[in-house]
Amino acid sequence: MDAYDKGSNARPAPDEPAAAVPVPDSSPPEGHETSDGHETADGHGTPDSPEPPDSQGSPGGHKPSSEAPARIPQQHGDQQPYDGRQYRDTALAGPPLPPPAGIAALSLPYQIAAALALAVVAVAACVHVGMVFLHVAPSNTVSKQHGQAIDEWIYPEFEQNWKLFAPNPLQQNIAVQVRADVRAADGEIRTTRWYDLSALDGAAIDGNLLPSHTQQNELRRAWDFFVATHDNANRPNGLRGSLSEEYLRRIVVLRLDREQAGGRGAVVQQVQVRSRTSNVPPPKWSQEQVSDKPIVRVLPWWPVSEADRAAGTRPAESTGTEASAR
């Protein structure tokens, strides 16, 4: 016991008068706690005396410590704090996983079928890329040994033309022209003038921001196909030569019908095609010398069959009707 004890036996400090009346004990009975849960040294709770807040706003002049342990909120009922274990209950484990999508959502037989289909497509794509590469690549051992198989795969659907990127690009103007023997409406056979089909395509392309693929390439590619499959005497080299001849003939019959060659109602009996090739003149600053004389290649007359007329000009029944009327 020292001078600062508040009990009845406390000694007075020096120069301090003794207390005349003892301070009555206002502590609650034994076994009772104060409102804030503190107890006195003898088991009786006493309320803490309020202390004025300091300048920082904390009571008792103490500053809040950053190292104070975090206060754990009380658990209600029998619920225990989470101890890090995984719960099997889906309500506690989180939202359910989304259902599988794509091939994974299919049954096993359908997954196998889809995998086989994807494998076939991948193999076909690899084969096609390889065939095109061997076709456009310089001559090598593989292309020499399997040249026929490569050509059968490429022609005629996947033919590649790389003349634009060749060391010597094409420097010629090739005009494809055609004339025909037609049976007029009065039954007379007449020979039409030469129609410059390449010039007609050029006029349709000139000034057109979006020219069609037919106007740009159909006639030109058909003529290139014919020249590549025929010799200088215009004899076909195998089956592809006959195919190129039939293809070119149907194109020119279609174009003659579009131009109404021989007058309205005239029927084409046979056609003749020729080409006129002239060199592109070099620029003025170039010292290159080229011939300015055009080269003309005239093909023999080709008879036009009913199949050519039906495919190129009008249905077969209309052709038969016109023939019976004449």
Protein backbone atom coordinates (compact mmCIF):
# COMPACT_ATOMS: atom_id res chain seq x y z
CA MET A 1 0.00 0.00 0.00
CA ASP A 2 1.32 3.44 -0.89
CA ALA A 3 0.12 6.95 -0.68
CA TYR A 4 -1.94 6.67 -3.84
CA ASP A 5 -4.13 3.75 -2.77
CA LYS A 6 -7.77 4.59 -2.37
CA GLY A 7 -8.56 2.17 0.45
CA SER A 8 -9.51 3.17 3.94
CA ASN A 9 -6.02 2.30 5.30
CA ALA A 10 -4.13 4.43 2.86
CA ARG A 11 -1.46 6.63 4.38
CA PRO A 12 -1.63 10.30 3.61
CA ALA A 13 1.13 11.75 1.60
CA PRO A 14 3.48 14.26 3.19
CA ASP A 15 2.07 17.76 3.49
CA GLU A 16 -1.43 16.40 2.75
CA PRO A 17 -4.19 16.42 5.38
CA ALA A 18 -5.69 13.08 6.27
CA ALA A 19 -9.12 12.21 4.94
CA ALA A 20 -11.77 12.90 7.56
CA VAL A 21 -14.44 10.67 6.17
CA PRO A 22 -13.69 7.32 4.57
CA VAL A 23 -14.83 6.89 1.04
CA PRO A 24 -17.72 4.43 0.93
CA ASP A 25 -17.21 1.36 -1.21
CA SER A 26 -19.45 1.67 -4.23
CA SER A 27 -18.36 -1.58 -5.91
CA PRO A 28 -21.10 -4.05 -6.77
CA PRO A 29 -21.59 -7.17 -4.77
CA GLU A 30 -19.26 -10.09 -5.18
CA GLY A 31 -19.85 -12.11 -8.29
CA HIS A 32 -21.19 -9.16 -10.29
CA GLU A 33 -19.36 -7.66 -13.23
CA THR A 34 -19.41 -4.17 -14.47
CA SER A 35 -20.97 -3.20 -17.77
CA ASP A 36 -17.63 -3.40 -19.59
CA GLY A 37 -16.66 -6.79 -18.12
CA HIS A 38 -13.74 -5.69 -15.85
CA GLU A 39 -13.28 -6.94 -12.31
CA THR A 40 -11.34 -5.55 -9.37
CA ALA A 41 -8.44 -7.25 -7.72
CA ASP A 42 -10.71 -8.81 -5.10
CA GLY A 43 -13.10 -10.19 -7.76
CA HIS A 44 -15.44 -7.16 -7.81
CA GLY A 45 -15.85 -5.25 -11.01
CA THR A 46 -15.36 -1.52 -10.93
CA PRO A 47 -16.16 0.81 -13.75
CA ASP A 48 -13.19 2.39 -15.39
CA SER A 49 -13.01 6.08 -14.83
CA PRO A 50 -13.51 7.93 -18.09
CA GLU A 51 -10.45 9.69 -19.34
CA PRO A 52 -10.59 12.76 -21.49
CA PRO A 53 -9.59 12.21 -25.11
CA ASP A 54 -6.25 13.55 -26.08
CA SER A 55 -5.52 15.88 -28.92
CA GLN A 56 -5.54 13.01 -31.40
CA GLY A 57 -9.03 11.89 -30.39
CA SER A 58 -8.08 8.60 -28.69
CA PRO A 59 -9.25 8.09 -25.08
CA GLY A 60 -6.74 8.13 -22.25
CA GLY A 61 -4.11 9.88 -24.31
CA HIS A 62 -2.97 6.62 -25.88
CA LYS A 63 -2.35 6.41 -29.60
CA PRO A 64 -3.75 3.45 -31.46
CA SER A 65 -1.08 0.85 -32.12
CA SER A 66 -0.68 -0.67 -35.55
CA GLU A 67 0.51 -3.90 -33.95
CA ALA A 68 -2.68 -4.50 -32.00
CA PRO A 69 -4.19 -7.91 -32.71
CA ALA A 70 -7.18 -7.94 -35.02
CA ARG A 71 -10.45 -8.33 -33.23
CA ILE A 72 -12.28 -11.49 -34.23
CA PRO A 73 -16.03 -11.02 -34.37
CA GLN A 74 -18.12 -13.29 -32.24
CA GLN A 75 -19.66 -16.31 -33.93
CA HIS A 76 -23.38 -16.73 -33.64
CA GLY A 77 -24.80 -20.01 -32.53
CA ASP A 78 -22.70 -23.14 -33.13
CA GLN A 79 -20.97 -21.78 -36.26
CA GLN A 80 -17.20 -22.06 -36.07
CA PRO A 81 -14.66 -19.86 -37.84
CA TYR A 82 -13.38 -21.11 -41.22
CA ASP A 83 -10.27 -23.26 -40.68
CA GLY A 84 -9.17 -23.51 -44.32
CA ARG A 85 -10.68 -26.90 -45.08
CA GLN A 86 -12.71 -27.52 -48.25
CA TYR A 87 -16.42 -27.89 -47.76
CA ARG A 88 -18.32 -30.50 -49.71
CA ASP A 89 -21.48 -28.50 -49.59
CA THR A 90 -21.92 -26.69 -52.94
CA ALA A 91 -23.57 -23.77 -51.20
CA LEU A 92 -20.35 -23.15 -49.29
CA ALA A 93 -17.94 -24.13 -52.08
CA GLY A 94 -19.10 -21.43 -54.52
CA PRO A 95 -21.11 -21.27 -57.77
CA PRO A 96 -21.30 -24.47 -59.86
CA LEU A 97 -19.02 -24.89 -62.87
CA PRO A 98 -20.53 -24.11 -66.31
CA PRO A 99 -21.50 -27.09 -68.46
CA PRO A 100 -18.98 -28.23 -71.10
CA ALA A 101 -19.25 -26.66 -74.54
CA GLY A 102 -18.13 -27.59 -78.04
CA ILE A 103 -16.91 -31.10 -78.75
CA ALA A 104 -16.60 -31.82 -75.04
CA ALA A 105 -20.39 -31.53 -74.71
CA LEU A 106 -20.92 -34.40 -77.17
CA SER A 107 -21.13 -38.05 -76.26
CA LEU A 108 -18.10 -40.27 -76.77
CA PRO A 109 -19.15 -41.69 -80.20
CA TYR A 110 -19.83 -38.20 -81.54
CA GLN A 111 -16.52 -36.94 -80.14
CA ILE A 112 -14.70 -39.71 -81.99
CA ALA A 113 -16.57 -38.89 -85.23
CA ALA A 114 -15.79 -35.18 -84.88
CA ALA A 115 -12.12 -35.90 -84.23
CA LEU A 116 -11.93 -38.13 -87.32
CA ALA A 117 -13.62 -35.45 -89.47
CA LEU A 118 -11.16 -32.81 -88.26
CA ALA A 119 -8.26 -35.14 -88.97
CA VAL A 120 -9.48 -35.79 -92.53
CA VAL A 121 -9.86 -32.04 -93.18
CA ALA A 122 -6.38 -31.36 -91.79
CA VAL A 123 -4.81 -34.07 -93.95
CA ALA A 124 -6.62 -32.84 -97.08
CA ALA A 125 -5.47 -29.26 -96.41
CA CYS A 126 -1.86 -30.38 -95.96
CA VAL A 127 -1.98 -32.43 -99.17
CA HIS A 128 -3.44 -29.50 -101.12
CA VAL A 129 -0.83 -27.06 -99.83
CA GLY A 130 1.91 -29.54 -100.69
CA MET A 131 0.57 -30.09 -104.22
CA VAL A 132 0.31 -26.35 -104.89
CA PHE A 133 3.83 -25.82 -103.57
CA LEU A 134 5.26 -28.53 -105.82
CA HIS A 135 3.33 -27.08 -108.77
CA VAL A 136 4.69 -23.54 -108.43
CA ALA A 137 8.15 -24.50 -107.16
CA PRO A 138 11.10 -24.92 -109.52
CA SER A 139 11.59 -28.33 -111.03
CA ASN A 140 12.94 -30.81 -108.48
CA THR A 141 13.20 -34.55 -107.90
CA VAL A 142 9.74 -34.89 -106.33
CA SER A 143 7.96 -32.87 -109.02
CA LYS A 144 9.72 -34.83 -111.78
CA GLN A 145 8.84 -38.19 -110.28
CA HIS A 146 5.22 -37.34 -109.43
CA GLY A 147 4.52 -34.70 -112.07
CA GLN A 148 1.46 -36.48 -113.48
CA ALA A 149 -0.18 -36.83 -110.06
CA ILE A 150 0.49 -33.15 -109.32
CA ASP A 151 -1.05 -32.04 -112.62
CA GLU A 152 -4.12 -34.21 -112.07
CA TRP A 153 -4.62 -32.59 -108.66
CA ILE A 154 -4.03 -29.00 -109.80
CA TYR A 155 -5.78 -28.85 -113.18
CA PRO A 156 -8.18 -27.39 -113.99
CA GLU A 157 -9.61 -26.09 -110.68
CA PHE A 158 -6.42 -25.04 -108.84
CA GLU A 159 -4.20 -23.80 -111.63
CA GLN A 160 -1.69 -21.17 -110.53
CA ASN A 161 -0.29 -18.43 -112.77
CA TRP A 162 2.78 -16.62 -111.49
CA LYS A 163 3.74 -14.70 -114.62
CA LEU A 164 3.46 -11.39 -112.79
CA PHE A 165 6.29 -12.43 -110.44
CA ALA A 166 8.46 -14.12 -113.10
CA PRO A 167 11.88 -12.66 -113.99
CA ASN A 168 10.45 -11.77 -117.43
CA PRO A 169 6.79 -10.86 -116.96
CA LEU A 170 4.37 -10.93 -119.84
CA GLN A 171 4.97 -7.92 -122.08
CA GLN A 172 2.46 -8.57 -124.83
CA ASN A 173 -1.05 -7.52 -125.67
CA ILE A 174 -3.14 -10.48 -126.79
CA ALA A 175 -6.51 -9.85 -128.41
CA VAL A 176 -8.88 -12.80 -128.90
CA GLN A 177 -11.26 -12.33 -131.83
CA VAL A 178 -14.01 -14.51 -133.24
CA ARG A 179 -16.33 -14.69 -136.24
CA ALA A 180 -19.12 -17.14 -137.06
CA ASP A 181 -21.27 -18.63 -139.75
CA VAL A 182 -24.87 -18.04 -138.70
CA ARG A 183 -28.20 -19.03 -140.10
CA ALA A 184 -30.34 -15.90 -140.25
CA ALA A 185 -34.05 -15.75 -139.64
CA ASP A 186 -34.71 -15.97 -143.39
CA GLY A 187 -32.67 -19.21 -143.64
CA GLU A 188 -29.62 -17.67 -145.29
CA ILE A 189 -26.11 -18.60 -144.08
CA ARG A 190 -23.97 -15.57 -143.43
CA THR A 191 -20.45 -14.99 -142.15
CA THR A 192 -20.21 -12.31 -139.51
CA ARG A 193 -17.44 -9.80 -139.06
CA TRP A 194 -14.60 -10.30 -136.57
CA TYR A 195 -15.64 -9.47 -133.01
CA ASP A 196 -12.78 -8.34 -130.78
CA LEU A 197 -13.86 -9.96 -127.52
CA SER A 198 -10.79 -8.73 -125.61
CA ALA A 199 -11.56 -5.14 -126.60
CA LEU A 200 -15.14 -5.56 -125.40
CA ASP A 201 -13.89 -6.80 -122.02
CA GLY A 202 -11.43 -3.90 -121.83
CA ALA A 203 -14.20 -1.39 -122.51
CA ALA A 204 -16.33 -2.96 -119.75
CA ILE A 205 -13.44 -2.77 -117.26
CA ASP A 206 -12.34 0.77 -118.15
CA GLY A 207 -13.75 3.17 -115.57
CA ASN A 208 -15.36 0.37 -113.54
CA LEU A 209 -14.28 0.47 -109.90
CA LEU A 210 -15.48 -3.09 -109.27
CA PRO A 211 -15.09 -5.12 -112.47
CA SER A 212 -16.25 -8.71 -112.40
CA HIS A 213 -13.93 -11.68 -112.43
CA THR A 214 -15.54 -12.82 -115.69
CA GLN A 215 -14.70 -9.59 -117.47
CA GLN A 216 -11.10 -9.66 -116.29
CA ASN A 217 -10.05 -13.28 -116.49
CA GLU A 218 -12.53 -15.65 -118.18
CA LEU A 219 -11.52 -15.10 -121.82
CA ARG A 220 -7.84 -14.53 -121.05
CA ARG A 221 -7.50 -17.69 -118.99
CA ALA A 222 -9.43 -19.72 -121.56
CA TRP A 223 -7.02 -18.65 -124.28
CA ASP A 224 -3.96 -19.36 -122.10
CA PHE A 225 -5.42 -22.79 -121.35
CA PHE A 226 -5.86 -23.48 -125.08
CA VAL A 227 -2.34 -22.37 -126.04
CA ALA A 228 -0.74 -24.42 -123.26
CA THR A 229 -2.48 -27.62 -124.40
CA HIS A 230 -2.01 -27.30 -128.19
CA ASP A 231 1.02 -27.36 -130.43
CA ASN A 232 1.88 -24.82 -133.12
CA ALA A 233 -0.33 -26.69 -135.60
CA ASN A 234 -3.31 -26.29 -133.21
CA ARG A 235 -3.40 -30.03 -132.43
CA PRO A 236 -4.51 -30.90 -128.86
CA ASN A 237 -2.11 -32.60 -126.48
CA GLY A 238 -4.27 -35.27 -124.89
CA LEU A 239 -7.55 -34.99 -123.04
CA ARG A 240 -6.83 -31.58 -121.56
CA GLY A 241 -6.38 -30.17 -125.06
CA SER A 242 -9.85 -31.33 -126.09
CA LEU A 243 -11.28 -29.94 -122.85
CA SER A 244 -9.68 -26.53 -123.44
CA GLU A 245 -11.05 -26.43 -126.99
CA GLU A 246 -14.58 -27.18 -125.82
CA TYR A 247 -14.30 -24.60 -123.05
CA LEU A 248 -13.13 -21.84 -125.43
CA ARG A 249 -15.78 -22.69 -128.01
CA ARG A 250 -18.63 -22.39 -125.51
CA ILE A 251 -17.33 -19.04 -124.28
CA VAL A 252 -17.20 -17.51 -127.75
CA VAL A 253 -20.67 -18.86 -128.64
CA LEU A 254 -22.04 -17.26 -125.49
CA ARG A 255 -20.38 -13.94 -126.35
CA LEU A 256 -21.66 -14.02 -129.95
CA ASP A 257 -25.20 -14.55 -128.72
CA ARG A 258 -24.78 -11.62 -126.33
CA GLU A 259 -23.71 -9.41 -129.23
CA GLN A 260 -26.59 -10.76 -131.40
CA ALA A 261 -24.19 -11.77 -134.16
CA GLY A 262 -26.01 -12.15 -137.51
CA GLY A 263 -29.09 -10.30 -136.31
CA ARG A 264 -31.93 -11.15 -133.97
CA GLY A 265 -32.94 -14.80 -134.13
CA ALA A 266 -29.80 -15.97 -135.94
CA VAL A 267 -28.35 -19.34 -134.93
CA VAL A 268 -24.58 -19.92 -134.84
CA GLN A 269 -23.50 -22.86 -137.03
CA GLN A 270 -19.72 -22.74 -136.68
CA VAL A 271 -17.09 -20.39 -135.24
CA GLN A 272 -13.51 -19.44 -135.96
CA VAL A 273 -11.15 -17.94 -133.39
CA ARG A 274 -7.94 -16.05 -133.93
CA SER A 275 -5.49 -14.17 -131.74
CA ARG A 276 -3.58 -11.00 -132.47
CA THR A 277 -0.42 -10.63 -130.38
CA SER A 278 1.59 -7.41 -130.32
CA ASN A 279 4.55 -6.49 -128.14
CA VAL A 280 4.25 -3.72 -125.59
CA PRO A 281 6.55 -0.90 -126.73
CA PRO A 282 9.42 -0.14 -124.34
CA PRO A 283 9.67 3.26 -122.66
CA LYS A 284 11.43 6.08 -124.44
CA TRP A 285 14.43 6.02 -122.14
CA SER A 286 15.02 2.29 -122.79
CA GLN A 287 17.39 1.06 -125.50
CA GLU A 288 15.50 -2.23 -125.90
CA GLN A 289 14.40 -3.01 -129.45
CA VAL A 290 11.22 -5.03 -129.99
CA SER A 291 9.19 -5.77 -133.09
CA ASP A 292 6.02 -3.78 -133.56
CA LYS A 293 4.57 -6.22 -136.10
CA PRO A 294 1.60 -8.15 -134.69
CA ILE A 295 1.49 -11.94 -134.85
CA VAL A 296 -1.83 -13.45 -135.88
CA ARG A 297 -2.79 -17.03 -135.05
CA VAL A 298 -5.88 -18.32 -136.81
CA LEU A 299 -7.63 -21.49 -135.61
CA PRO A 300 -9.67 -23.78 -137.86
CA TRP A 301 -13.46 -23.61 -138.03
CA TRP A 302 -15.21 -25.39 -135.20
CA PRO A 303 -18.74 -26.72 -135.73
CA VAL A 304 -21.14 -25.76 -132.95
CA SER A 305 -23.14 -28.66 -131.54
CA GLU A 306 -26.53 -28.57 -129.88
CA ALA A 307 -24.81 -28.92 -126.51
CA ASP A 308 -22.73 -25.80 -127.24
CA ARG A 309 -25.80 -23.80 -128.16
CA ALA A 310 -27.75 -25.03 -125.14
CA ALA A 311 -24.91 -24.23 -122.74
CA GLY A 312 -23.80 -21.02 -124.41
CA THR A 313 -26.78 -19.30 -125.94
CA ARG A 314 -30.31 -20.54 -125.23
CA PRO A 315 -32.08 -23.67 -123.94
CA ALA A 316 -32.22 -26.65 -126.27
CA GLU A 317 -36.01 -26.54 -126.59
CA SER A 318 -35.96 -22.95 -127.87
CA THR A 319 -33.29 -23.87 -130.44
CA GLY A 320 -35.41 -26.75 -131.66
CA THR A 321 -38.45 -24.53 -131.90
CA GLU A 322 -36.59 -22.01 -134.04
CA ALA A 323 -35.22 -24.75 -136.28
CA SER A 324 -38.70 -26.22 -136.86
CA ALA A 325 -40.09 -22.75 -137.64
CA ARG A 326 -37.48 -22.30 -140.35
